[in-house]
N, C-alpha and C. Protein backbone atom coordinates (compact mmCIF):
# COMPACT_ATOMS: atom_id res chain seq x y z
N MET A 1 0.83 -1.18 0.00
CA MET A 1 0.02 0.01 0.03
C MET A 1 0.87 1.26 -0.01
N VAL A 2 0.37 2.27 -0.68
CA VAL A 2 1.11 3.53 -0.76
C VAL A 2 0.11 4.61 -0.37
N GLY A 3 0.53 5.54 0.50
CA GLY A 3 -0.26 6.69 0.88
C GLY A 3 0.44 7.94 0.46
N VAL A 4 -0.34 8.87 -0.14
CA VAL A 4 0.26 10.09 -0.67
C VAL A 4 -0.46 11.29 -0.08
N ASP A 5 0.31 12.32 0.32
CA ASP A 5 -0.26 13.54 0.81
C ASP A 5 0.74 14.68 0.54
N PRO A 6 0.24 15.88 0.16
CA PRO A 6 1.19 16.98 -0.03
C PRO A 6 1.65 17.61 1.26
N ALA A 7 1.00 17.29 2.39
CA ALA A 7 1.38 17.90 3.66
C ALA A 7 2.23 16.97 4.47
N GLN A 8 3.51 17.33 4.67
CA GLN A 8 4.41 16.49 5.40
C GLN A 8 3.95 16.25 6.82
N ALA A 9 3.27 17.25 7.45
CA ALA A 9 2.81 17.07 8.82
C ALA A 9 1.78 15.92 8.88
N MET A 10 0.95 15.86 7.89
CA MET A 10 -0.05 14.73 7.82
C MET A 10 0.63 13.39 7.71
N LEU A 11 1.69 13.34 6.88
CA LEU A 11 2.44 12.13 6.70
C LEU A 11 3.16 11.71 7.98
N ASP A 12 3.67 12.72 8.72
CA ASP A 12 4.35 12.42 9.97
C ASP A 12 3.38 11.73 10.92
N ILE A 13 2.15 12.22 11.01
CA ILE A 13 1.13 11.61 11.88
C ILE A 13 0.81 10.20 11.39
N ALA A 14 0.61 10.07 10.07
CA ALA A 14 0.28 8.74 9.50
C ALA A 14 1.37 7.75 9.74
N GLN A 15 2.63 8.15 9.63
CA GLN A 15 3.73 7.22 9.85
C GLN A 15 3.81 6.72 11.28
N GLN A 16 3.29 7.49 12.22
CA GLN A 16 3.25 7.05 13.63
C GLN A 16 2.18 6.03 13.85
N LYS A 17 1.19 5.95 12.96
CA LYS A 17 0.07 4.99 13.15
C LYS A 17 0.33 3.65 12.52
N THR A 18 1.10 3.61 11.44
CA THR A 18 1.41 2.30 10.83
C THR A 18 2.69 2.40 9.99
N SER A 19 3.37 1.31 9.97
CA SER A 19 4.59 1.21 9.13
C SER A 19 4.34 0.27 7.95
N ARG A 20 3.09 -0.17 7.79
CA ARG A 20 2.79 -1.11 6.73
C ARG A 20 2.44 -0.39 5.40
N VAL A 21 2.57 0.92 5.44
CA VAL A 21 2.25 1.74 4.25
C VAL A 21 3.49 2.51 3.86
N ARG A 22 3.74 2.60 2.58
CA ARG A 22 4.79 3.44 2.06
C ARG A 22 4.23 4.84 1.88
N TRP A 23 4.68 5.81 2.72
CA TRP A 23 4.13 7.17 2.67
C TRP A 23 4.99 8.07 1.80
N LEU A 24 4.31 8.81 0.89
CA LEU A 24 4.99 9.67 -0.05
C LEU A 24 4.47 11.11 0.02
N ASN A 25 5.39 12.05 -0.01
CA ASN A 25 5.02 13.48 -0.01
C ASN A 25 4.92 13.91 -1.49
N SER A 26 3.68 14.11 -1.94
CA SER A 26 3.45 14.52 -3.34
C SER A 26 2.01 15.02 -3.49
N THR A 27 1.77 15.73 -4.53
CA THR A 27 0.38 16.02 -4.94
C THR A 27 -0.07 14.89 -5.88
N ALA A 28 -1.36 14.74 -5.98
CA ALA A 28 -1.88 13.72 -6.93
C ALA A 28 -1.49 14.03 -8.35
N GLU A 29 -1.49 15.33 -8.71
CA GLU A 29 -1.17 15.69 -10.11
C GLU A 29 0.25 15.35 -10.49
N LYS A 30 1.18 15.43 -9.54
CA LYS A 30 2.59 15.21 -9.85
C LYS A 30 3.09 13.79 -9.57
N LEU A 31 2.25 12.97 -9.02
CA LEU A 31 2.65 11.60 -8.66
C LEU A 31 3.04 10.86 -9.91
N ASN A 32 4.21 10.26 -9.88
CA ASN A 32 4.67 9.44 -11.00
C ASN A 32 5.49 8.31 -10.50
N LEU A 33 4.82 7.21 -10.20
CA LEU A 33 5.48 5.99 -9.69
C LEU A 33 5.56 4.95 -10.81
N ASP A 34 6.48 4.06 -10.68
CA ASP A 34 6.58 2.95 -11.63
C ASP A 34 5.76 1.78 -11.06
N MET A 35 4.53 2.09 -10.74
CA MET A 35 3.63 1.09 -10.13
C MET A 35 2.21 1.32 -10.65
N LYS A 36 1.45 0.21 -10.62
CA LYS A 36 0.00 0.26 -10.90
C LYS A 36 -0.74 -0.32 -9.72
N PHE A 37 -1.94 0.14 -9.50
CA PHE A 37 -2.71 -0.23 -8.34
C PHE A 37 -4.08 -0.74 -8.76
N ASP A 38 -4.60 -1.72 -8.01
CA ASP A 38 -5.99 -2.24 -8.24
C ASP A 38 -7.02 -1.26 -7.72
N LEU A 39 -6.65 -0.49 -6.67
CA LEU A 39 -7.60 0.43 -6.05
C LEU A 39 -6.90 1.71 -5.68
N ILE A 40 -7.47 2.82 -6.11
CA ILE A 40 -6.96 4.16 -5.77
C ILE A 40 -8.13 4.89 -5.11
N ILE A 41 -7.86 5.41 -3.88
CA ILE A 41 -8.92 6.10 -3.13
C ILE A 41 -8.46 7.49 -2.76
N LEU A 42 -9.30 8.48 -3.02
CA LEU A 42 -9.16 9.82 -2.49
C LEU A 42 -10.23 9.97 -1.45
N SER A 43 -9.82 10.17 -0.18
CA SER A 43 -10.80 10.20 0.90
C SER A 43 -11.02 11.62 1.39
N GLY A 44 -12.05 11.78 2.16
CA GLY A 44 -12.33 13.03 2.89
C GLY A 44 -12.50 14.24 1.98
N HIS A 45 -13.18 14.08 0.89
CA HIS A 45 -13.42 15.17 -0.06
C HIS A 45 -12.13 15.76 -0.66
N ALA A 46 -11.08 14.98 -0.71
CA ALA A 46 -9.82 15.45 -1.22
C ALA A 46 -9.94 15.92 -2.68
N PHE A 47 -10.87 15.38 -3.40
CA PHE A 47 -11.01 15.79 -4.80
C PHE A 47 -11.36 17.28 -4.90
N GLN A 48 -11.93 17.84 -3.87
CA GLN A 48 -12.34 19.24 -3.89
C GLN A 48 -11.20 20.23 -3.74
N VAL A 49 -9.98 19.74 -3.45
CA VAL A 49 -8.83 20.68 -3.39
C VAL A 49 -8.33 21.03 -4.76
N PHE A 50 -8.79 20.30 -5.81
CA PHE A 50 -8.43 20.65 -7.15
C PHE A 50 -9.39 21.77 -7.58
N LEU A 51 -8.89 22.98 -7.62
CA LEU A 51 -9.74 24.16 -7.74
C LEU A 51 -10.18 24.45 -9.18
N THR A 52 -9.46 23.93 -10.14
CA THR A 52 -9.82 24.21 -11.55
C THR A 52 -10.01 22.88 -12.28
N GLN A 53 -10.67 22.97 -13.46
CA GLN A 53 -10.88 21.77 -14.27
C GLN A 53 -9.56 21.20 -14.72
N GLU A 54 -8.57 22.08 -14.98
CA GLU A 54 -7.23 21.62 -15.39
C GLU A 54 -6.61 20.78 -14.29
N GLN A 55 -6.71 21.23 -13.03
CA GLN A 55 -6.17 20.49 -11.90
C GLN A 55 -6.87 19.13 -11.77
N ARG A 56 -8.21 19.14 -11.92
CA ARG A 56 -8.95 17.86 -11.80
C ARG A 56 -8.52 16.92 -12.89
N ILE A 57 -8.32 17.40 -14.11
CA ILE A 57 -7.88 16.53 -15.23
C ILE A 57 -6.48 16.01 -14.93
N SER A 58 -5.56 16.87 -14.49
CA SER A 58 -4.20 16.39 -14.16
C SER A 58 -4.22 15.28 -13.10
N ALA A 59 -5.01 15.47 -12.08
CA ALA A 59 -5.09 14.48 -11.00
C ALA A 59 -5.69 13.15 -11.56
N LEU A 60 -6.78 13.28 -12.31
CA LEU A 60 -7.38 12.07 -12.90
C LEU A 60 -6.45 11.35 -13.87
N GLN A 61 -5.67 12.10 -14.64
CA GLN A 61 -4.73 11.49 -15.56
C GLN A 61 -3.63 10.73 -14.80
N ALA A 62 -3.16 11.32 -13.71
CA ALA A 62 -2.17 10.60 -12.89
C ALA A 62 -2.75 9.32 -12.32
N MET A 63 -3.97 9.39 -11.85
CA MET A 63 -4.62 8.15 -11.29
C MET A 63 -4.82 7.13 -12.41
N GLN A 64 -5.21 7.61 -13.59
CA GLN A 64 -5.44 6.68 -14.71
C GLN A 64 -4.14 5.96 -15.07
N ARG A 65 -3.02 6.71 -15.05
CA ARG A 65 -1.71 6.11 -15.40
C ARG A 65 -1.31 5.03 -14.36
N HIS A 66 -1.77 5.20 -13.11
CA HIS A 66 -1.37 4.27 -12.04
C HIS A 66 -2.38 3.16 -11.80
N LEU A 67 -3.42 3.08 -12.61
CA LEU A 67 -4.50 2.12 -12.41
C LEU A 67 -4.29 0.88 -13.27
N THR A 68 -4.42 -0.31 -12.68
CA THR A 68 -4.33 -1.61 -13.42
C THR A 68 -5.51 -1.59 -14.41
N ALA A 69 -5.41 -2.50 -15.38
CA ALA A 69 -6.44 -2.61 -16.42
C ALA A 69 -7.84 -2.81 -15.89
N ASP A 70 -7.99 -3.59 -14.81
CA ASP A 70 -9.34 -3.79 -14.22
C ASP A 70 -9.46 -3.15 -12.86
N GLY A 71 -8.65 -2.10 -12.61
CA GLY A 71 -8.69 -1.42 -11.33
C GLY A 71 -9.84 -0.42 -11.17
N THR A 72 -9.95 0.11 -9.95
CA THR A 72 -11.05 1.02 -9.61
C THR A 72 -10.49 2.25 -8.91
N ILE A 73 -11.01 3.38 -9.21
CA ILE A 73 -10.76 4.64 -8.52
C ILE A 73 -12.01 5.03 -7.74
N VAL A 74 -11.86 5.44 -6.48
CA VAL A 74 -13.00 5.85 -5.68
C VAL A 74 -12.70 7.20 -5.08
N PHE A 75 -13.65 8.13 -5.22
CA PHE A 75 -13.52 9.41 -4.55
C PHE A 75 -14.88 10.02 -4.34
N ASP A 76 -14.91 11.06 -3.46
CA ASP A 76 -16.15 11.75 -3.22
C ASP A 76 -15.96 13.24 -3.42
N SER A 77 -17.06 13.91 -3.66
CA SER A 77 -17.12 15.38 -3.74
C SER A 77 -18.48 15.78 -3.26
N ARG A 78 -18.52 16.84 -2.48
CA ARG A 78 -19.84 17.30 -2.00
C ARG A 78 -20.63 17.80 -3.20
N ASN A 79 -21.97 17.55 -3.13
CA ASN A 79 -22.86 17.95 -4.20
C ASN A 79 -23.04 19.47 -4.08
N PRO A 80 -22.64 20.23 -5.14
CA PRO A 80 -22.78 21.69 -5.06
C PRO A 80 -24.24 22.15 -5.00
N ALA A 81 -25.15 21.37 -5.50
CA ALA A 81 -26.57 21.76 -5.49
C ALA A 81 -27.13 21.92 -4.07
N VAL A 82 -26.52 21.21 -3.11
CA VAL A 82 -26.96 21.26 -1.71
C VAL A 82 -26.45 22.54 -1.04
N GLU A 83 -25.34 23.08 -1.54
CA GLU A 83 -24.72 24.32 -0.96
C GLU A 83 -24.41 24.17 0.50
N GLU A 84 -23.77 23.08 0.86
CA GLU A 84 -23.46 22.78 2.27
C GLU A 84 -22.63 23.87 2.93
N TRP A 85 -21.80 24.57 2.19
CA TRP A 85 -20.95 25.62 2.78
C TRP A 85 -21.74 26.74 3.40
N ARG A 86 -23.02 26.88 3.03
CA ARG A 86 -23.83 27.95 3.65
C ARG A 86 -24.10 27.66 5.13
N GLU A 87 -23.85 26.42 5.56
CA GLU A 87 -24.05 26.08 6.97
C GLU A 87 -22.75 26.20 7.75
N TRP A 88 -21.66 26.55 7.09
CA TRP A 88 -20.34 26.65 7.76
C TRP A 88 -20.11 28.03 8.32
N THR A 89 -21.10 28.57 9.02
CA THR A 89 -20.96 29.88 9.65
C THR A 89 -20.74 29.63 11.15
N PRO A 90 -20.18 30.60 11.84
CA PRO A 90 -19.98 30.44 13.27
C PRO A 90 -21.24 30.10 14.04
N GLU A 91 -22.37 30.74 13.67
CA GLU A 91 -23.65 30.52 14.36
C GLU A 91 -24.13 29.09 14.18
N LEU A 92 -24.01 28.53 12.98
CA LEU A 92 -24.57 27.21 12.68
C LEU A 92 -23.59 26.07 12.92
N SER A 93 -22.32 26.33 13.06
CA SER A 93 -21.32 25.27 13.16
C SER A 93 -20.73 25.12 14.55
N ARG A 94 -20.98 26.04 15.44
CA ARG A 94 -20.33 25.99 16.76
C ARG A 94 -20.76 24.74 17.57
N GLU A 95 -19.76 24.08 18.08
CA GLU A 95 -20.01 22.89 18.94
C GLU A 95 -18.90 22.78 19.95
N SER A 96 -19.22 22.13 21.09
CA SER A 96 -18.17 21.89 22.11
C SER A 96 -18.07 20.43 22.37
N LEU A 97 -16.87 20.02 22.71
CA LEU A 97 -16.63 18.64 23.09
C LEU A 97 -15.57 18.58 24.16
N THR A 98 -15.51 17.51 24.86
CA THR A 98 -14.53 17.35 25.93
C THR A 98 -13.58 16.25 25.52
N THR A 99 -12.28 16.55 25.56
CA THR A 99 -11.27 15.58 25.20
C THR A 99 -10.45 15.27 26.45
N GLN A 100 -9.88 14.08 26.45
CA GLN A 100 -9.05 13.69 27.59
C GLN A 100 -7.76 14.52 27.63
N GLU A 101 -7.19 14.84 26.46
CA GLU A 101 -5.94 15.52 26.38
C GLU A 101 -6.06 17.02 26.60
N PHE A 102 -7.12 17.65 26.01
CA PHE A 102 -7.20 19.11 26.03
C PHE A 102 -8.35 19.67 26.86
N GLY A 103 -9.17 18.82 27.46
CA GLY A 103 -10.36 19.27 28.21
C GLY A 103 -11.40 19.73 27.25
N GLU A 104 -12.14 20.81 27.61
CA GLU A 104 -13.20 21.30 26.77
C GLU A 104 -12.66 22.07 25.59
N VAL A 105 -13.10 21.74 24.40
CA VAL A 105 -12.70 22.40 23.17
C VAL A 105 -13.95 22.83 22.45
N THR A 106 -13.99 24.10 22.05
CA THR A 106 -15.05 24.64 21.24
C THR A 106 -14.51 24.83 19.81
N LEU A 107 -15.32 24.41 18.82
CA LEU A 107 -14.89 24.59 17.45
C LEU A 107 -16.04 25.19 16.63
N TRP A 108 -15.61 25.91 15.61
CA TRP A 108 -16.60 26.51 14.73
C TRP A 108 -15.91 26.82 13.37
N ASN A 109 -16.73 27.06 12.37
CA ASN A 109 -16.24 27.40 11.05
C ASN A 109 -16.64 28.80 10.65
N ASP A 110 -15.97 29.28 9.66
CA ASP A 110 -16.40 30.53 9.01
C ASP A 110 -16.01 30.34 7.50
N VAL A 111 -16.79 30.98 6.65
CA VAL A 111 -16.69 30.66 5.24
C VAL A 111 -16.95 31.92 4.37
N ALA A 112 -16.28 31.94 3.22
CA ALA A 112 -16.58 32.92 2.18
C ALA A 112 -16.49 32.20 0.85
N GLU A 113 -17.40 32.60 -0.07
CA GLU A 113 -17.38 32.01 -1.38
C GLU A 113 -17.17 33.08 -2.43
N LEU A 114 -16.25 32.80 -3.37
CA LEU A 114 -15.98 33.77 -4.44
C LEU A 114 -15.67 33.04 -5.74
N ASN A 115 -16.43 33.32 -6.74
CA ASN A 115 -16.22 32.68 -8.07
C ASN A 115 -16.13 31.15 -8.03
N GLY A 116 -17.00 30.54 -7.24
CA GLY A 116 -17.01 29.11 -7.19
C GLY A 116 -16.03 28.45 -6.30
N ILE A 117 -15.14 29.22 -5.65
CA ILE A 117 -14.16 28.69 -4.71
C ILE A 117 -14.66 29.08 -3.32
N VAL A 118 -14.65 28.07 -2.44
CA VAL A 118 -15.07 28.29 -1.07
C VAL A 118 -13.79 28.33 -0.19
N HIS A 119 -13.62 29.47 0.49
CA HIS A 119 -12.54 29.60 1.45
C HIS A 119 -13.14 29.42 2.84
N TYR A 120 -12.68 28.39 3.54
CA TYR A 120 -13.23 28.19 4.89
C TYR A 120 -12.14 28.08 5.92
N GLN A 121 -12.52 28.42 7.14
CA GLN A 121 -11.61 28.37 8.26
C GLN A 121 -12.29 27.60 9.39
N THR A 122 -11.54 26.77 10.06
CA THR A 122 -12.06 26.07 11.22
C THR A 122 -11.24 26.58 12.41
N PHE A 123 -11.95 26.95 13.46
CA PHE A 123 -11.32 27.51 14.66
C PHE A 123 -11.50 26.53 15.81
N TYR A 124 -10.49 26.47 16.66
CA TYR A 124 -10.50 25.57 17.85
C TYR A 124 -10.09 26.39 19.03
N GLN A 125 -10.88 26.36 20.11
CA GLN A 125 -10.51 27.11 21.34
C GLN A 125 -10.53 26.17 22.51
N GLN A 126 -9.43 26.17 23.23
CA GLN A 126 -9.31 25.33 24.45
C GLN A 126 -9.89 26.11 25.62
N GLY A 127 -10.93 25.57 26.25
CA GLY A 127 -11.54 26.23 27.39
C GLY A 127 -12.25 27.51 26.97
N GLU A 128 -12.80 28.19 27.97
CA GLU A 128 -13.58 29.40 27.68
C GLU A 128 -12.70 30.56 27.26
N ASN A 129 -11.54 30.69 27.81
CA ASN A 129 -10.65 31.82 27.50
C ASN A 129 -9.30 31.40 26.95
N GLY A 130 -9.20 30.15 26.50
CA GLY A 130 -7.92 29.61 26.07
C GLY A 130 -7.54 30.12 24.69
N PRO A 131 -6.38 29.68 24.21
CA PRO A 131 -5.92 30.10 22.86
C PRO A 131 -6.83 29.56 21.77
N ILE A 132 -6.86 30.32 20.71
CA ILE A 132 -7.65 29.91 19.57
C ILE A 132 -6.69 29.54 18.42
N PHE A 133 -6.91 28.35 17.88
CA PHE A 133 -6.12 27.88 16.77
C PHE A 133 -7.02 27.84 15.52
N ARG A 134 -6.38 28.03 14.36
CA ARG A 134 -7.13 28.11 13.12
C ARG A 134 -6.51 27.30 12.04
N ALA A 135 -7.32 26.61 11.25
CA ALA A 135 -6.90 25.90 10.03
C ALA A 135 -7.78 26.48 8.92
N GLU A 136 -7.17 26.63 7.72
CA GLU A 136 -7.95 27.19 6.61
C GLU A 136 -7.61 26.49 5.32
N SER A 137 -8.57 26.56 4.40
CA SER A 137 -8.40 25.87 3.11
C SER A 137 -9.28 26.48 2.08
N ASP A 138 -8.93 26.31 0.85
CA ASP A 138 -9.78 26.64 -0.30
C ASP A 138 -10.22 25.33 -0.97
N ILE A 139 -11.49 25.23 -1.28
CA ILE A 139 -11.99 24.05 -1.96
C ILE A 139 -12.98 24.48 -3.04
N ALA A 140 -13.15 23.63 -4.06
CA ALA A 140 -14.09 23.84 -5.13
C ALA A 140 -15.27 22.87 -4.95
N PHE A 141 -16.40 23.21 -5.52
CA PHE A 141 -17.55 22.35 -5.54
C PHE A 141 -17.90 22.08 -7.05
N PRO A 142 -17.09 21.23 -7.72
CA PRO A 142 -17.38 21.01 -9.12
C PRO A 142 -18.74 20.31 -9.29
N THR A 143 -19.37 20.62 -10.39
CA THR A 143 -20.68 19.97 -10.70
C THR A 143 -20.48 18.57 -11.18
N LEU A 144 -21.56 17.81 -11.17
CA LEU A 144 -21.51 16.47 -11.71
C LEU A 144 -21.04 16.49 -13.19
N SER A 145 -21.54 17.46 -13.93
CA SER A 145 -21.16 17.61 -15.33
C SER A 145 -19.68 17.90 -15.47
N ASP A 146 -19.14 18.78 -14.60
CA ASP A 146 -17.64 19.09 -14.67
C ASP A 146 -16.86 17.83 -14.44
N ILE A 147 -17.21 17.07 -13.43
CA ILE A 147 -16.49 15.86 -13.09
C ILE A 147 -16.65 14.84 -14.22
N ALA A 148 -17.83 14.64 -14.72
CA ALA A 148 -18.06 13.66 -15.79
C ALA A 148 -17.20 14.01 -17.01
N GLN A 149 -17.14 15.28 -17.38
CA GLN A 149 -16.32 15.70 -18.51
C GLN A 149 -14.86 15.40 -18.29
N ALA A 150 -14.34 15.67 -17.09
CA ALA A 150 -12.95 15.44 -16.78
C ALA A 150 -12.68 13.92 -16.80
N VAL A 151 -13.59 13.13 -16.23
CA VAL A 151 -13.45 11.67 -16.26
C VAL A 151 -13.34 11.14 -17.68
N GLU A 152 -14.23 11.56 -18.52
CA GLU A 152 -14.27 11.10 -19.91
C GLU A 152 -13.01 11.57 -20.66
N PHE A 153 -12.59 12.79 -20.46
CA PHE A 153 -11.40 13.32 -21.11
C PHE A 153 -10.16 12.48 -20.77
N CYS A 154 -10.14 11.90 -19.56
CA CYS A 154 -8.96 11.12 -19.10
C CYS A 154 -9.04 9.63 -19.43
N GLY A 155 -9.98 9.24 -20.29
CA GLY A 155 -10.10 7.84 -20.71
C GLY A 155 -10.65 6.95 -19.60
N LEU A 156 -11.43 7.53 -18.74
CA LEU A 156 -12.09 6.76 -17.67
C LEU A 156 -13.57 6.82 -17.84
N ARG A 157 -14.28 6.01 -17.11
CA ARG A 157 -15.75 6.09 -17.13
C ARG A 157 -16.27 5.85 -15.70
N VAL A 158 -17.45 6.40 -15.47
CA VAL A 158 -18.08 6.24 -14.14
C VAL A 158 -18.76 4.85 -14.12
N ARG A 159 -18.32 3.99 -13.22
CA ARG A 159 -18.94 2.70 -13.09
C ARG A 159 -20.21 2.83 -12.22
N TYR A 160 -20.07 3.53 -11.08
CA TYR A 160 -21.19 3.80 -10.15
C TYR A 160 -21.10 5.21 -9.63
N LEU A 161 -22.23 5.81 -9.43
CA LEU A 161 -22.32 7.09 -8.78
C LEU A 161 -23.38 6.97 -7.65
N TYR A 162 -22.91 7.22 -6.42
CA TYR A 162 -23.79 7.13 -5.30
C TYR A 162 -24.00 8.50 -4.68
N GLY A 163 -25.07 8.67 -3.89
CA GLY A 163 -25.39 9.90 -3.28
C GLY A 163 -24.84 10.06 -1.86
N ASP A 164 -24.22 9.00 -1.34
CA ASP A 164 -23.62 9.04 0.00
C ASP A 164 -22.76 7.79 0.17
N TRP A 165 -22.11 7.70 1.32
CA TRP A 165 -21.26 6.53 1.59
C TRP A 165 -22.01 5.29 2.06
N GLN A 166 -23.32 5.41 2.16
CA GLN A 166 -24.16 4.24 2.43
C GLN A 166 -24.61 3.58 1.12
N LEU A 167 -24.11 4.11 0.00
CA LEU A 167 -24.33 3.62 -1.34
C LEU A 167 -25.73 3.74 -1.81
N ASN A 168 -26.40 4.79 -1.29
CA ASN A 168 -27.75 5.12 -1.85
C ASN A 168 -27.59 5.74 -3.21
N ALA A 169 -28.60 5.56 -4.06
CA ALA A 169 -28.56 6.11 -5.40
C ALA A 169 -28.41 7.64 -5.36
N PHE A 170 -27.66 8.18 -6.32
CA PHE A 170 -27.51 9.62 -6.38
C PHE A 170 -28.81 10.27 -6.79
N GLN A 171 -29.19 11.29 -6.07
CA GLN A 171 -30.39 12.13 -6.40
C GLN A 171 -29.90 13.58 -6.52
N GLU A 172 -30.72 14.45 -7.08
CA GLU A 172 -30.35 15.86 -7.19
C GLU A 172 -30.00 16.50 -5.87
N ASN A 173 -30.65 16.10 -4.80
CA ASN A 173 -30.39 16.67 -3.46
C ASN A 173 -29.52 15.77 -2.55
N SER A 174 -28.85 14.85 -3.11
CA SER A 174 -27.90 14.01 -2.32
C SER A 174 -26.79 14.86 -1.78
N PRO A 175 -26.35 14.59 -0.57
CA PRO A 175 -25.27 15.41 -0.02
C PRO A 175 -23.93 15.20 -0.69
N GLU A 176 -23.73 14.01 -1.23
CA GLU A 176 -22.46 13.62 -1.79
C GLU A 176 -22.59 13.13 -3.22
N MET A 177 -21.45 13.13 -3.90
CA MET A 177 -21.32 12.44 -5.17
C MET A 177 -20.16 11.50 -4.95
N VAL A 178 -20.44 10.21 -4.80
CA VAL A 178 -19.39 9.21 -4.55
C VAL A 178 -19.22 8.43 -5.82
N PHE A 179 -18.02 8.56 -6.39
CA PHE A 179 -17.73 8.00 -7.72
C PHE A 179 -16.90 6.73 -7.59
N THR A 180 -17.19 5.74 -8.38
CA THR A 180 -16.25 4.65 -8.65
C THR A 180 -16.00 4.69 -10.17
N LEU A 181 -14.73 4.74 -10.50
CA LEU A 181 -14.31 4.88 -11.92
C LEU A 181 -13.55 3.66 -12.35
N GLU A 182 -13.56 3.43 -13.66
CA GLU A 182 -12.73 2.38 -14.27
C GLU A 182 -12.26 2.89 -15.61
N HIS A 183 -11.33 2.16 -16.22
CA HIS A 183 -10.91 2.53 -17.57
C HIS A 183 -12.09 2.47 -18.53
N ALA A 184 -12.18 3.43 -19.43
CA ALA A 184 -13.27 3.51 -20.40
C ALA A 184 -13.24 2.29 -21.35
N SER A 185 -12.03 1.87 -21.74
CA SER A 185 -11.86 0.71 -22.60
C SER A 185 -10.43 0.23 -22.47
N PRO A 186 -10.14 -1.03 -22.76
CA PRO A 186 -8.79 -1.54 -22.64
C PRO A 186 -7.75 -0.71 -23.45
N SER A 187 -8.18 -0.13 -24.53
CA SER A 187 -7.23 0.67 -25.35
C SER A 187 -6.82 1.97 -24.66
N SER A 188 -7.57 2.34 -23.63
CA SER A 188 -7.22 3.63 -22.96
C SER A 188 -6.19 3.45 -21.87
N VAL A 189 -5.79 2.20 -21.58
CA VAL A 189 -4.84 1.92 -20.54
C VAL A 189 -3.42 2.19 -21.05
N ASN A 190 -2.71 3.08 -20.36
CA ASN A 190 -1.32 3.36 -20.75
C ASN A 190 -0.43 2.30 -20.22
N SER A 191 0.56 1.95 -20.96
CA SER A 191 1.54 0.89 -20.49
C SER A 191 2.60 1.56 -19.64
């Protein structure tokens, strides 16, 4: 098994959890291994970090190059029609939890959308008056049509499209678009 992430800090944490995986620091678009895989998974809405159609195509082309002839690619993307980011406001997202290591932690999100790119921040505060930590990211909400066009351009095809991780059929108002892809035809497989 091979795990890939562009953030070295994430890889450092992953390496502490298991040594049975070869961990690589790379982006999906730039990955170029002399290996093919039966299964390629992008988890946790990772597909949404590709902000442009060109980036989505580059990532899918890299995955296609690394996929065995009968292999499968699996990834998810939030359904833009649901507009989930509208709920990522401090008022709607605030929650508290108690952890053994940090005690009470309050977390909340804040969000701004511009030209189809969602910039969001997640805040964490230890205790009532403790320090506040922040993580931020930009993500895109590509449409089903955008993804389908990129998939086809890369010589892949959608085998299944689900509306969530419970494998319910995709509907217009499904929260997720969960894709399983395969090669469009044997002639599209690069050697």
